[in-house]
């Protein structure tokens, strides 16, 4: 895992203690499977956003888009996609 992906993973784990993350890069996406109770979530981040952003910018974007808060407050599993044009909710078929 590269440094920028590690920064994203660290931010998630800091805000979601007790969770574990499986990371994968494929299809031009950084994929983070966030496991734990009560739900499993996915965060997909575009390769372009990671390549074009400094680590501090990635953390700031996660704060602005409230990714950790959104996942912590979810009453069901969520699939989120973060790219240069913002964040949107996708479905379980998105990253396949």
PDB file of N, CA and C in Angstrom:
ATOM      1  N   UNK A   1       0.860  -1.171   0.000  1.00  0.00           N
ATOM      2  CA  UNK A   1       0.000   0.000   0.000  1.00  0.00           C
ATOM      3  C   UNK A   1       0.903   1.228   0.000  1.00  0.00           C
ATOM      4  N   UNK A   2       0.563   2.190  -0.852  1.00  0.00           N
ATOM      5  CA  UNK A   2       1.390   3.389  -0.892  1.00  0.00           C
ATOM      6  C   UNK A   2       1.052   4.335   0.261  1.00  0.00           C
ATOM      7  N   UNK A   3       1.872   5.344   0.421  1.00  0.00           N
ATOM      8  CA  UNK A   3       1.748   6.272   1.556  1.00  0.00           C
ATOM      9  C   UNK A   3       0.382   6.959   1.593  1.00  0.00           C
ATOM     10  N   UNK A   4      -0.120   7.367   0.450  1.00  0.00           N
ATOM     11  CA  UNK A   4      -1.388   8.093   0.420  1.00  0.00           C
ATOM     12  C   UNK A   4      -2.563   7.190   0.786  1.00  0.00           C
ATOM     13  N   UNK A   5      -2.550   5.972   0.306  1.00  0.00           N
ATOM     14  CA  UNK A   5      -3.600   5.021   0.692  1.00  0.00           C
ATOM     15  C   UNK A   5      -3.513   4.725   2.186  1.00  0.00           C
ATOM     16  N   UNK A   6      -2.303   4.653   2.713  1.00  0.00           N
ATOM     17  CA  UNK A   6      -2.111   4.411   4.140  1.00  0.00           C
ATOM     18  C   UNK A   6      -2.695   5.549   4.975  1.00  0.00           C
ATOM     19  N   UNK A   7      -2.569   6.777   4.501  1.00  0.00           N
ATOM     20  CA  UNK A   7      -3.124   7.930   5.203  1.00  0.00           C
ATOM     21  C   UNK A   7      -4.649   7.816   5.279  1.00  0.00           C
ATOM     22  N   UNK A   8      -5.258   7.389   4.186  1.00  0.00           N
ATOM     23  CA  UNK A   8      -6.720   7.206   4.172  1.00  0.00           C
ATOM     24  C   UNK A   8      -7.113   6.119   5.158  1.00  0.00           C
ATOM     25  N   UNK A   9      -6.404   4.995   5.124  1.00  0.00           N
ATOM     26  CA  UNK A   9      -6.703   3.899   6.049  1.00  0.00           C
ATOM     27  C   UNK A   9      -6.540   4.348   7.500  1.00  0.00           C
ATOM     28  N   UNK A  10      -5.471   5.057   7.793  1.00  0.00           N
ATOM     29  CA  UNK A  10      -5.237   5.524   9.163  1.00  0.00           C
ATOM     30  C   UNK A  10      -6.353   6.444   9.641  1.00  0.00           C
ATOM     31  N   UNK A  11      -6.825   7.322   8.760  1.00  0.00           N
ATOM     32  CA  UNK A  11      -7.914   8.244   9.117  1.00  0.00           C
ATOM     33  C   UNK A  11      -9.184   7.463   9.450  1.00  0.00           C
ATOM     34  N   UNK A  12      -9.481   6.447   8.667  1.00  0.00           N
ATOM     35  CA  UNK A  12     -10.668   5.619   8.928  1.00  0.00           C
ATOM     36  C   UNK A  12     -10.525   4.905  10.267  1.00  0.00           C
ATOM     37  N   UNK A  13      -9.398   4.256  10.476  1.00  0.00           N
ATOM     38  CA  UNK A  13      -9.202   3.484  11.703  1.00  0.00           C
ATOM     39  C   UNK A  13      -9.213   4.367  12.948  1.00  0.00           C
ATOM     40  N   UNK A  14      -8.703   5.587  12.827  1.00  0.00           N
ATOM     41  CA  UNK A  14      -8.709   6.504  13.967  1.00  0.00           C
ATOM     42  C   UNK A  14     -10.137   6.857  14.367  1.00  0.00           C
ATOM     43  N   UNK A  15     -10.993   7.048  13.385  1.00  0.00           N
ATOM     44  CA  UNK A  15     -12.371   7.430  13.664  1.00  0.00           C
ATOM     45  C   UNK A  15     -13.324   6.270  13.867  1.00  0.00           C
ATOM     46  N   UNK A  16     -12.840   5.064  13.585  1.00  0.00           N
ATOM     47  CA  UNK A  16     -13.686   3.873  13.711  1.00  0.00           C
ATOM     48  C   UNK A  16     -12.920   2.781  14.454  1.00  0.00           C
ATOM     49  N   UNK A  17     -12.614   3.010  15.731  1.00  0.00           N
ATOM     50  CA  UNK A  17     -11.836   2.023  16.489  1.00  0.00           C
ATOM     51  C   UNK A  17     -12.567   0.681  16.541  1.00  0.00           C
ATOM     52  N   UNK A  18     -11.785  -0.366  16.564  1.00  0.00           N
ATOM     53  CA  UNK A  18     -12.355  -1.701  16.618  1.00  0.00           C
ATOM     54  C   UNK A  18     -12.654  -2.281  15.250  1.00  0.00           C
ATOM     55  N   UNK A  19     -12.470  -1.500  14.216  1.00  0.00           N
ATOM     56  CA  UNK A  19     -12.689  -1.973  12.848  1.00  0.00           C
ATOM     57  C   UNK A  19     -11.385  -2.470  12.261  1.00  0.00           C
ATOM     58  N   UNK A  20     -11.497  -3.248  11.210  1.00  0.00           N
ATOM     59  CA  UNK A  20     -10.324  -3.633  10.438  1.00  0.00           C
ATOM     60  C   UNK A  20     -10.600  -3.284   8.984  1.00  0.00           C
ATOM     61  N   UNK A  21      -9.530  -3.125   8.231  1.00  0.00           N
ATOM     62  CA  UNK A  21      -9.666  -2.716   6.838  1.00  0.00           C
ATOM     63  C   UNK A  21      -8.891  -3.674   5.950  1.00  0.00           C
ATOM     64  N   UNK A  22      -9.551  -4.081   4.876  1.00  0.00           N
ATOM     65  CA  UNK A  22      -8.880  -4.810   3.807  1.00  0.00           C
ATOM     66  C   UNK A  22      -8.723  -3.836   2.655  1.00  0.00           C
ATOM     67  N   UNK A  23      -7.496  -3.697   2.175  1.00  0.00           N
ATOM     68  CA  UNK A  23      -7.203  -2.753   1.101  1.00  0.00           C
ATOM     69  C   UNK A  23      -6.876  -3.503  -0.176  1.00  0.00           C
ATOM     70  N   UNK A  24      -7.319  -2.915  -1.284  1.00  0.00           N
ATOM     71  CA  UNK A  24      -6.999  -3.474  -2.593  1.00  0.00           C
ATOM     72  C   UNK A  24      -6.973  -2.329  -3.599  1.00  0.00           C
ATOM     73  N   UNK A  25      -6.083  -2.426  -4.584  1.00  0.00           N
ATOM     74  CA  UNK A  25      -6.107  -1.485  -5.698  1.00  0.00           C
ATOM     75  C   UNK A  25      -6.377  -2.281  -6.954  1.00  0.00           C
ATOM     76  N   UNK A  26      -7.472  -1.957  -7.627  1.00  0.00           N
ATOM     77  CA  UNK A  26      -7.782  -2.612  -8.899  1.00  0.00           C
ATOM     78  C   UNK A  26      -8.781  -1.759  -9.666  1.00  0.00           C
ATOM     79  N   UNK A  27      -8.745  -1.894 -10.981  1.00  0.00           N
ATOM     80  CA  UNK A  27      -9.681  -1.173 -11.826  1.00  0.00           C
ATOM     81  C   UNK A  27      -9.603   0.336 -11.681  1.00  0.00           C
ATOM     82  N   UNK A  28      -8.429   0.866 -11.332  1.00  0.00           N
ATOM     83  CA  UNK A  28      -8.274   2.299 -11.168  1.00  0.00           C
ATOM     84  C   UNK A  28      -8.868   2.844  -9.883  1.00  0.00           C
ATOM     85  N   UNK A  29      -9.176   1.950  -8.940  1.00  0.00           N
ATOM     86  CA  UNK A  29      -9.776   2.358  -7.672  1.00  0.00           C
ATOM     87  C   UNK A  29      -8.956   1.852  -6.493  1.00  0.00           C
ATOM     88  N   UNK A  30      -8.809   2.718  -5.495  1.00  0.00           N
ATOM     89  CA  UNK A  30      -8.316   2.290  -4.193  1.00  0.00           C
ATOM     90  C   UNK A  30      -9.560   1.849  -3.427  1.00  0.00           C
ATOM     91  N   UNK A  31      -9.581   0.599  -2.980  1.00  0.00           N
ATOM     92  CA  UNK A  31     -10.767   0.034  -2.345  1.00  0.00           C
ATOM     93  C   UNK A  31     -10.461  -0.299  -0.888  1.00  0.00           C
ATOM     94  N   UNK A  32     -11.300   0.217  -0.010  1.00  0.00           N
ATOM     95  CA  UNK A  32     -11.150  -0.027   1.419  1.00  0.00           C
ATOM     96  C   UNK A  32     -12.419  -0.722   1.915  1.00  0.00           C
ATOM     97  N   UNK A  33     -12.285  -1.970   2.304  1.00  0.00           N
ATOM     98  CA  UNK A  33     -13.403  -2.708   2.896  1.00  0.00           C
ATOM     99  C   UNK A  33     -13.259  -2.567   4.405  1.00  0.00           C
ATOM    100  N   UNK A  34     -14.229  -1.901   5.013  1.00  0.00           N
ATOM    101  CA  UNK A  34     -14.168  -1.578   6.435  1.00  0.00           C
ATOM    102  C   UNK A  34     -15.058  -2.571   7.172  1.00  0.00           C
ATOM    103  N   UNK A  35     -14.421  -3.470   7.909  1.00  0.00           N
ATOM    104  CA  UNK A  35     -15.140  -4.565   8.557  1.00  0.00           C
ATOM    105  C   UNK A  35     -15.308  -4.296  10.042  1.00  0.00           C
ATOM    106  N   UNK A  36     -16.399  -4.767  10.560  1.00  0.00           N
ATOM    107  CA  UNK A  36     -16.683  -4.634  11.984  1.00  0.00           C
ATOM    108  C   UNK A  36     -18.179  -4.566  12.195  1.00  0.00           C
ATOM    109  N   UNK A  37     -18.551  -4.418  13.420  1.00  0.00           N
ATOM    110  CA  UNK A  37     -19.974  -4.393  13.760  1.00  0.00           C
ATOM    111  C   UNK A  37     -20.479  -2.969  13.856  1.00  0.00           C
ATOM    112  N   UNK A  38     -21.680  -2.665  13.484  1.00  0.00           N
ATOM    113  CA  UNK A  38     -22.695  -3.621  13.049  1.00  0.00           C
ATOM    114  C   UNK A  38     -22.737  -3.829  11.531  1.00  0.00           C
ATOM    115  N   UNK A  39     -21.964  -3.063  10.733  1.00  0.00           N
ATOM    116  CA  UNK A  39     -22.060  -3.163   9.278  1.00  0.00           C
ATOM    117  C   UNK A  39     -20.680  -3.201   8.632  1.00  0.00           C
ATOM    118  N   UNK A  40     -20.640  -3.725   7.429  1.00  0.00           N
ATOM    119  CA  UNK A  40     -19.436  -3.671   6.600  1.00  0.00           C
ATOM    120  C   UNK A  40     -19.649  -2.550   5.589  1.00  0.00           C
ATOM    121  N   UNK A  41     -18.654  -1.676   5.466  1.00  0.00           N
ATOM    122  CA  UNK A  41     -18.728  -0.558   4.532  1.00  0.00           C
ATOM    123  C   UNK A  41     -17.585  -0.648   3.530  1.00  0.00           C
ATOM    124  N   UNK A  42     -17.764   0.050   2.404  1.00  0.00           N
ATOM    125  CA  UNK A  42     -16.721   0.167   1.393  1.00  0.00           C
ATOM    126  C   UNK A  42     -16.485   1.634   1.093  1.00  0.00           C
ATOM    127  N   UNK A  43     -15.230   2.015   0.985  1.00  0.00           N
ATOM    128  CA  UNK A  43     -14.862   3.326   0.478  1.00  0.00           C
ATOM    129  C   UNK A  43     -13.992   3.100  -0.749  1.00  0.00           C
ATOM    130  N   UNK A  44     -14.428   3.674  -1.867  1.00  0.00           N
ATOM    131  CA  UNK A  44     -13.666   3.630  -3.112  1.00  0.00           C
ATOM    132  C   UNK A  44     -13.121   5.033  -3.355  1.00  0.00           C
ATOM    133  N   UNK A  45     -11.845   5.110  -3.714  1.00  0.00           N
ATOM    134  CA  UNK A  45     -11.225   6.399  -3.991  1.00  0.00           C
ATOM    135  C   UNK A  45     -10.558   6.304  -5.360  1.00  0.00           C
ATOM    136  N   UNK A  46     -10.837   7.291  -6.210  1.00  0.00           N
ATOM    137  CA  UNK A  46     -10.292   7.245  -7.564  1.00  0.00           C
ATOM    138  C   UNK A  46      -8.767   7.358  -7.549  1.00  0.00           C
ATOM    139  N   UNK A  47      -8.150   6.667  -8.476  1.00  0.00           N
ATOM    140  CA  UNK A  47      -6.695   6.703  -8.613  1.00  0.00           C
ATOM    141  C   UNK A  47      -6.232   8.134  -8.869  1.00  0.00           C
ATOM    142  N   UNK A  48      -6.966   8.861  -9.704  1.00  0.00           N
ATOM    143  CA  UNK A  48      -6.584  10.227 -10.041  1.00  0.00           C
ATOM    144  C   UNK A  48      -6.563  11.134  -8.815  1.00  0.00           C
ATOM    145  N   UNK A  49      -7.557  11.002  -7.956  1.00  0.00           N
ATOM    146  CA  UNK A  49      -7.595  11.835  -6.762  1.00  0.00           C
ATOM    147  C   UNK A  49      -6.390  11.553  -5.869  1.00  0.00           C
ATOM    148  N   UNK A  50      -6.086  10.291  -5.688  1.00  0.00           N
ATOM    149  CA  UNK A  50      -4.940   9.929  -4.847  1.00  0.00           C
ATOM    150  C   UNK A  50      -3.637  10.396  -5.496  1.00  0.00           C
ATOM    151  N   UNK A  51      -3.500  10.167  -6.790  1.00  0.00           N
ATOM    152  CA  UNK A  51      -2.265  10.558  -7.481  1.00  0.00           C
ATOM    153  C   UNK A  51      -2.045  12.074  -7.467  1.00  0.00           C
ATOM    154  N   UNK A  52      -3.130  12.838  -7.590  1.00  0.00           N
ATOM    155  CA  UNK A  52      -3.027  14.288  -7.738  1.00  0.00           C
ATOM    156  C   UNK A  52      -3.068  15.062  -6.421  1.00  0.00           C
ATOM    157  N   UNK A  53      -3.245  14.379  -5.294  1.00  0.00           N
ATOM    158  CA  UNK A  53      -3.420  15.058  -4.009  1.00  0.00           C
ATOM    159  C   UNK A  53      -2.311  14.688  -3.034  1.00  0.00           C
ATOM    160  N   UNK A  54      -1.912  15.655  -2.251  1.00  0.00           N
ATOM    161  CA  UNK A  54      -0.976  15.400  -1.157  1.00  0.00           C
ATOM    162  C   UNK A  54      -1.740  14.692  -0.033  1.00  0.00           C
ATOM    163  N   UNK A  55      -1.044  13.945   0.829  1.00  0.00           N
ATOM    164  CA  UNK A  55      -1.722  13.238   1.915  1.00  0.00           C
ATOM    165  C   UNK A  55      -2.611  14.136   2.776  1.00  0.00           C
ATOM    166  N   UNK A  56      -2.138  15.338   3.108  1.00  0.00           N
ATOM    167  CA  UNK A  56      -2.932  16.239   3.954  1.00  0.00           C
ATOM    168  C   UNK A  56      -4.232  16.641   3.244  1.00  0.00           C
ATOM    169  N   UNK A  57      -4.205  16.780   1.941  1.00  0.00           N
ATOM    170  CA  UNK A  57      -5.415  17.121   1.181  1.00  0.00           C
ATOM    171  C   UNK A  57      -6.411  15.973   1.239  1.00  0.00           C
ATOM    172  N   UNK A  58      -5.937  14.746   1.135  1.00  0.00           N
ATOM    173  CA  UNK A  58      -6.833  13.584   1.214  1.00  0.00           C
ATOM    174  C   UNK A  58      -7.531  13.530   2.571  1.00  0.00           C
ATOM    175  N   UNK A  59      -6.784  13.777   3.630  1.00  0.00           N
ATOM    176  CA  UNK A  59      -7.386  13.793   4.970  1.00  0.00           C
ATOM    177  C   UNK A  59      -8.387  14.934   5.086  1.00  0.00           C
ATOM    178  N   UNK A  60      -8.043  16.093   4.559  1.00  0.00           N
ATOM    179  CA  UNK A  60      -8.969  17.229   4.603  1.00  0.00           C
ATOM    180  C   UNK A  60     -10.256  16.919   3.839  1.00  0.00           C
ATOM    181  N   UNK A  61     -10.141  16.294   2.689  1.00  0.00           N
ATOM    182  CA  UNK A  61     -11.339  15.922   1.922  1.00  0.00           C
ATOM    183  C   UNK A  61     -12.205  14.938   2.700  1.00  0.00           C
ATOM    184  N   UNK A  62     -11.573  13.990   3.365  1.00  0.00           N
ATOM    185  CA  UNK A  62     -12.347  13.044   4.176  1.00  0.00           C
ATOM    186  C   UNK A  62     -13.095  13.779   5.288  1.00  0.00           C
ATOM    187  N   UNK A  63     -12.471  14.805   5.850  1.00  0.00           N
ATOM    188  CA  UNK A  63     -13.135  15.616   6.881  1.00  0.00           C
ATOM    189  C   UNK A  63     -14.278  16.426   6.287  1.00  0.00           C
ATOM    190  N   UNK A  64     -14.033  17.087   5.175  1.00  0.00           N
ATOM    191  CA  UNK A  64     -15.055  17.919   4.534  1.00  0.00           C
ATOM    192  C   UNK A  64     -16.271  17.073   4.138  1.00  0.00           C
ATOM    193  N   UNK A  65     -16.017  15.900   3.588  1.00  0.00           N
ATOM    194  CA  UNK A  65     -17.109  15.030   3.140  1.00  0.00           C
ATOM    195  C   UNK A  65     -17.702  14.190   4.271  1.00  0.00           C
ATOM    196  N   UNK A  66     -17.121  14.314   5.468  1.00  0.00           N
ATOM    197  CA  UNK A  66     -17.623  13.634   6.666  1.00  0.00           C
ATOM    198  C   UNK A  66     -17.749  12.113   6.454  1.00  0.00           C
ATOM    199  N   UNK A  67     -16.764  11.531   5.856  1.00  0.00           N
ATOM    200  CA  UNK A  67     -16.822  10.113   5.512  1.00  0.00           C
ATOM    201  C   UNK A  67     -16.930   9.243   6.753  1.00  0.00           C
ATOM    202  N   UNK A  68     -16.060   9.444   7.719  1.00  0.00           N
ATOM    203  CA  UNK A  68     -16.090   8.606   8.918  1.00  0.00           C
ATOM    204  C   UNK A  68     -17.402   8.795   9.673  1.00  0.00           C
ATOM    205  N   UNK A  69     -17.856  10.028   9.812  1.00  0.00           N
ATOM    206  CA  UNK A  69     -19.134  10.280  10.498  1.00  0.00           C
ATOM    207  C   UNK A  69     -20.289   9.589   9.783  1.00  0.00           C
ATOM    208  N   UNK A  70     -20.299   9.691   8.460  1.00  0.00           N
ATOM    209  CA  UNK A  70     -21.366   9.060   7.676  1.00  0.00           C
ATOM    210  C   UNK A  70     -21.389   7.557   7.902  1.00  0.00           C
ATOM    211  N   UNK A  71     -20.229   6.940   7.890  1.00  0.00           N
ATOM    212  CA  UNK A  71     -20.174   5.483   8.082  1.00  0.00           C
ATOM    213  C   UNK A  71     -20.525   5.109   9.517  1.00  0.00           C
ATOM    214  N   UNK A  72     -20.062   5.877  10.476  1.00  0.00           N
ATOM    215  CA  UNK A  72     -20.381   5.584  11.873  1.00  0.00           C
ATOM    216  C   UNK A  72     -21.876   5.700  12.163  1.00  0.00           C
ATOM    217  N   UNK A  73     -22.551   6.600  11.486  1.00  0.00           N
ATOM    218  CA  UNK A  73     -23.975   6.827  11.735  1.00  0.00           C
ATOM    219  C   UNK A  73     -24.890   5.984  10.858  1.00  0.00           C
ATOM    220  N   UNK A  74     -24.319   5.226   9.947  1.00  0.00           N
ATOM    221  CA  UNK A  74     -25.129   4.439   9.007  1.00  0.00           C
ATOM    222  C   UNK A  74     -25.876   3.324   9.723  1.00  0.00           C
ATOM    223  N   UNK A  75     -27.129   3.133   9.343  1.00  0.00           N
ATOM    224  CA  UNK A  75     -27.916   2.043   9.911  1.00  0.00           C
ATOM    225  C   UNK A  75     -27.954   0.831   8.987  1.00  0.00           C
ATOM    226  N   UNK A  76     -27.124   0.874   7.957  1.00  0.00           N
ATOM    227  CA  UNK A  76     -26.953  -0.255   7.033  1.00  0.00           C
ATOM    228  C   UNK A  76     -25.583  -0.104   6.372  1.00  0.00           C
ATOM    229  N   UNK A  77     -25.153  -1.121   5.660  1.00  0.00           N
ATOM    230  CA  UNK A  77     -23.873  -1.037   4.948  1.00  0.00           C
ATOM    231  C   UNK A  77     -23.919   0.077   3.911  1.00  0.00           C
ATOM    232  N   UNK A  78     -22.774   0.748   3.737  1.00  0.00           N
ATOM    233  CA  UNK A  78     -22.677   1.842   2.765  1.00  0.00           C
ATOM    234  C   UNK A  78     -21.502   1.594   1.834  1.00  0.00           C
ATOM    235  N   UNK A  79     -21.653   2.081   0.610  1.00  0.00           N
ATOM    236  CA  UNK A  79     -20.612   2.072  -0.394  1.00  0.00           C
ATOM    237  C   UNK A  79     -20.448   3.516  -0.852  1.00  0.00           C
ATOM    238  N   UNK A  80     -19.274   4.100  -0.606  1.00  0.00           N
ATOM    239  CA  UNK A  80     -19.024   5.496  -0.959  1.00  0.00           C
ATOM    240  C   UNK A  80     -17.885   5.577  -1.965  1.00  0.00           C
ATOM    241  N   UNK A  81     -18.020   6.513  -2.908  1.00  0.00           N
ATOM    242  CA  UNK A  81     -16.984   6.751  -3.919  1.00  0.00           C
ATOM    243  C   UNK A  81     -16.537   8.202  -3.821  1.00  0.00           C
ATOM    244  N   UNK A  82     -15.232   8.394  -3.615  1.00  0.00           N
ATOM    245  CA  UNK A  82     -14.657   9.735  -3.517  1.00  0.00           C
ATOM    246  C   UNK A  82     -13.754   9.972  -4.725  1.00  0.00           C
ATOM    247  N   UNK A  83     -14.030  11.069  -5.427  1.00  0.00           N
ATOM    248  CA  UNK A  83     -13.241  11.445  -6.603  1.00  0.00           C
ATOM    249  C   UNK A  83     -13.011  12.950  -6.564  1.00  0.00           C
ATOM    250  N   UNK A  84     -12.380  13.467  -7.597  1.00  0.00           N
ATOM    251  CA  UNK A  84     -12.068  14.883  -7.655  1.00  0.00           C
ATOM    252  C   UNK A  84     -13.285  15.784  -7.658  1.00  0.00           C
ATOM    253  N   UNK A  85     -14.430  15.252  -8.070  1.00  0.00           N
ATOM    254  CA  UNK A  85     -15.645  16.069  -8.126  1.00  0.00           C
ATOM    255  C   UNK A  85     -16.551  15.867  -6.924  1.00  0.00           C
ATOM    256  N   UNK A  86     -16.062  15.199  -5.878  1.00  0.00           N
ATOM    257  CA  UNK A  86     -16.852  15.042  -4.662  1.00  0.00           C
ATOM    258  C   UNK A  86     -17.015  13.596  -4.254  1.00  0.00           C
ATOM    259  N   UNK A  87     -18.034  13.374  -3.470  1.00  0.00           N
ATOM    260  CA  UNK A  87     -18.322  12.033  -2.970  1.00  0.00           C
ATOM    261  C   UNK A  87     -19.762  11.700  -3.298  1.00  0.00           C
ATOM    262  N   UNK A  88     -19.990  10.427  -3.567  1.00  0.00           N
ATOM    263  CA  UNK A  88     -21.359   9.988  -3.801  1.00  0.00           C
ATOM    264  C   UNK A  88     -21.521   8.565  -3.296  1.00  0.00           C
ATOM    265  N   UNK A  89     -22.758   8.241  -2.964  1.00  0.00           N
ATOM    266  CA  UNK A  89     -23.063   6.882  -2.556  1.00  0.00           C
ATOM    267  C   UNK A  89     -23.289   6.050  -3.812  1.00  0.00           C
ATOM    268  N   UNK A  90     -22.703   4.864  -3.815  1.00  0.00           N
ATOM    269  CA  UNK A  90     -22.851   3.924  -4.924  1.00  0.00           C
ATOM    270  C   UNK A  90     -23.404   2.623  -4.354  1.00  0.00           C
ATOM    271  N   UNK A  91     -23.540   1.613  -5.187  1.00  0.00           N
ATOM    272  CA  UNK A  91     -24.049   0.338  -4.684  1.00  0.00           C
ATOM    273  C   UNK A  91     -22.953  -0.727  -4.680  1.00  0.00           C
ATOM    274  N   UNK A  92     -23.325  -1.898  -4.231  1.00  0.00           N
ATOM    275  CA  UNK A  92     -22.346  -2.986  -4.059  1.00  0.00           C
ATOM    276  C   UNK A  92     -21.734  -3.464  -5.369  1.00  0.00           C
ATOM    277  N   UNK A  93     -22.285  -3.085  -6.496  1.00  0.00           N
ATOM    278  CA  UNK A  93     -21.764  -3.504  -7.804  1.00  0.00           C
ATOM    279  C   UNK A  93     -20.741  -2.536  -8.356  1.00  0.00           C
ATOM    280  N   UNK A  94     -20.589  -1.377  -7.746  1.00  0.00           N
ATOM    281  CA  UNK A  94     -19.749  -0.306  -8.281  1.00  0.00           C
ATOM    282  C   UNK A  94     -18.301  -0.726  -8.505  1.00  0.00           C
ATOM    283  N   UNK A  95     -17.672  -1.310  -7.537  1.00  0.00           N
ATOM    284  CA  UNK A  95     -16.242  -1.597  -7.602  1.00  0.00           C
ATOM    285  C   UNK A  95     -15.875  -2.926  -8.219  1.00  0.00           C
ATOM    286  N   UNK A  96     -16.825  -3.577  -8.849  1.00  0.00           N
ATOM    287  CA  UNK A  96     -16.554  -4.917  -9.406  1.00  0.00           C
ATOM    288  C   UNK A  96     -16.201  -4.887 -10.852  1.00  0.00           C
TER     289      UNK A  96
END
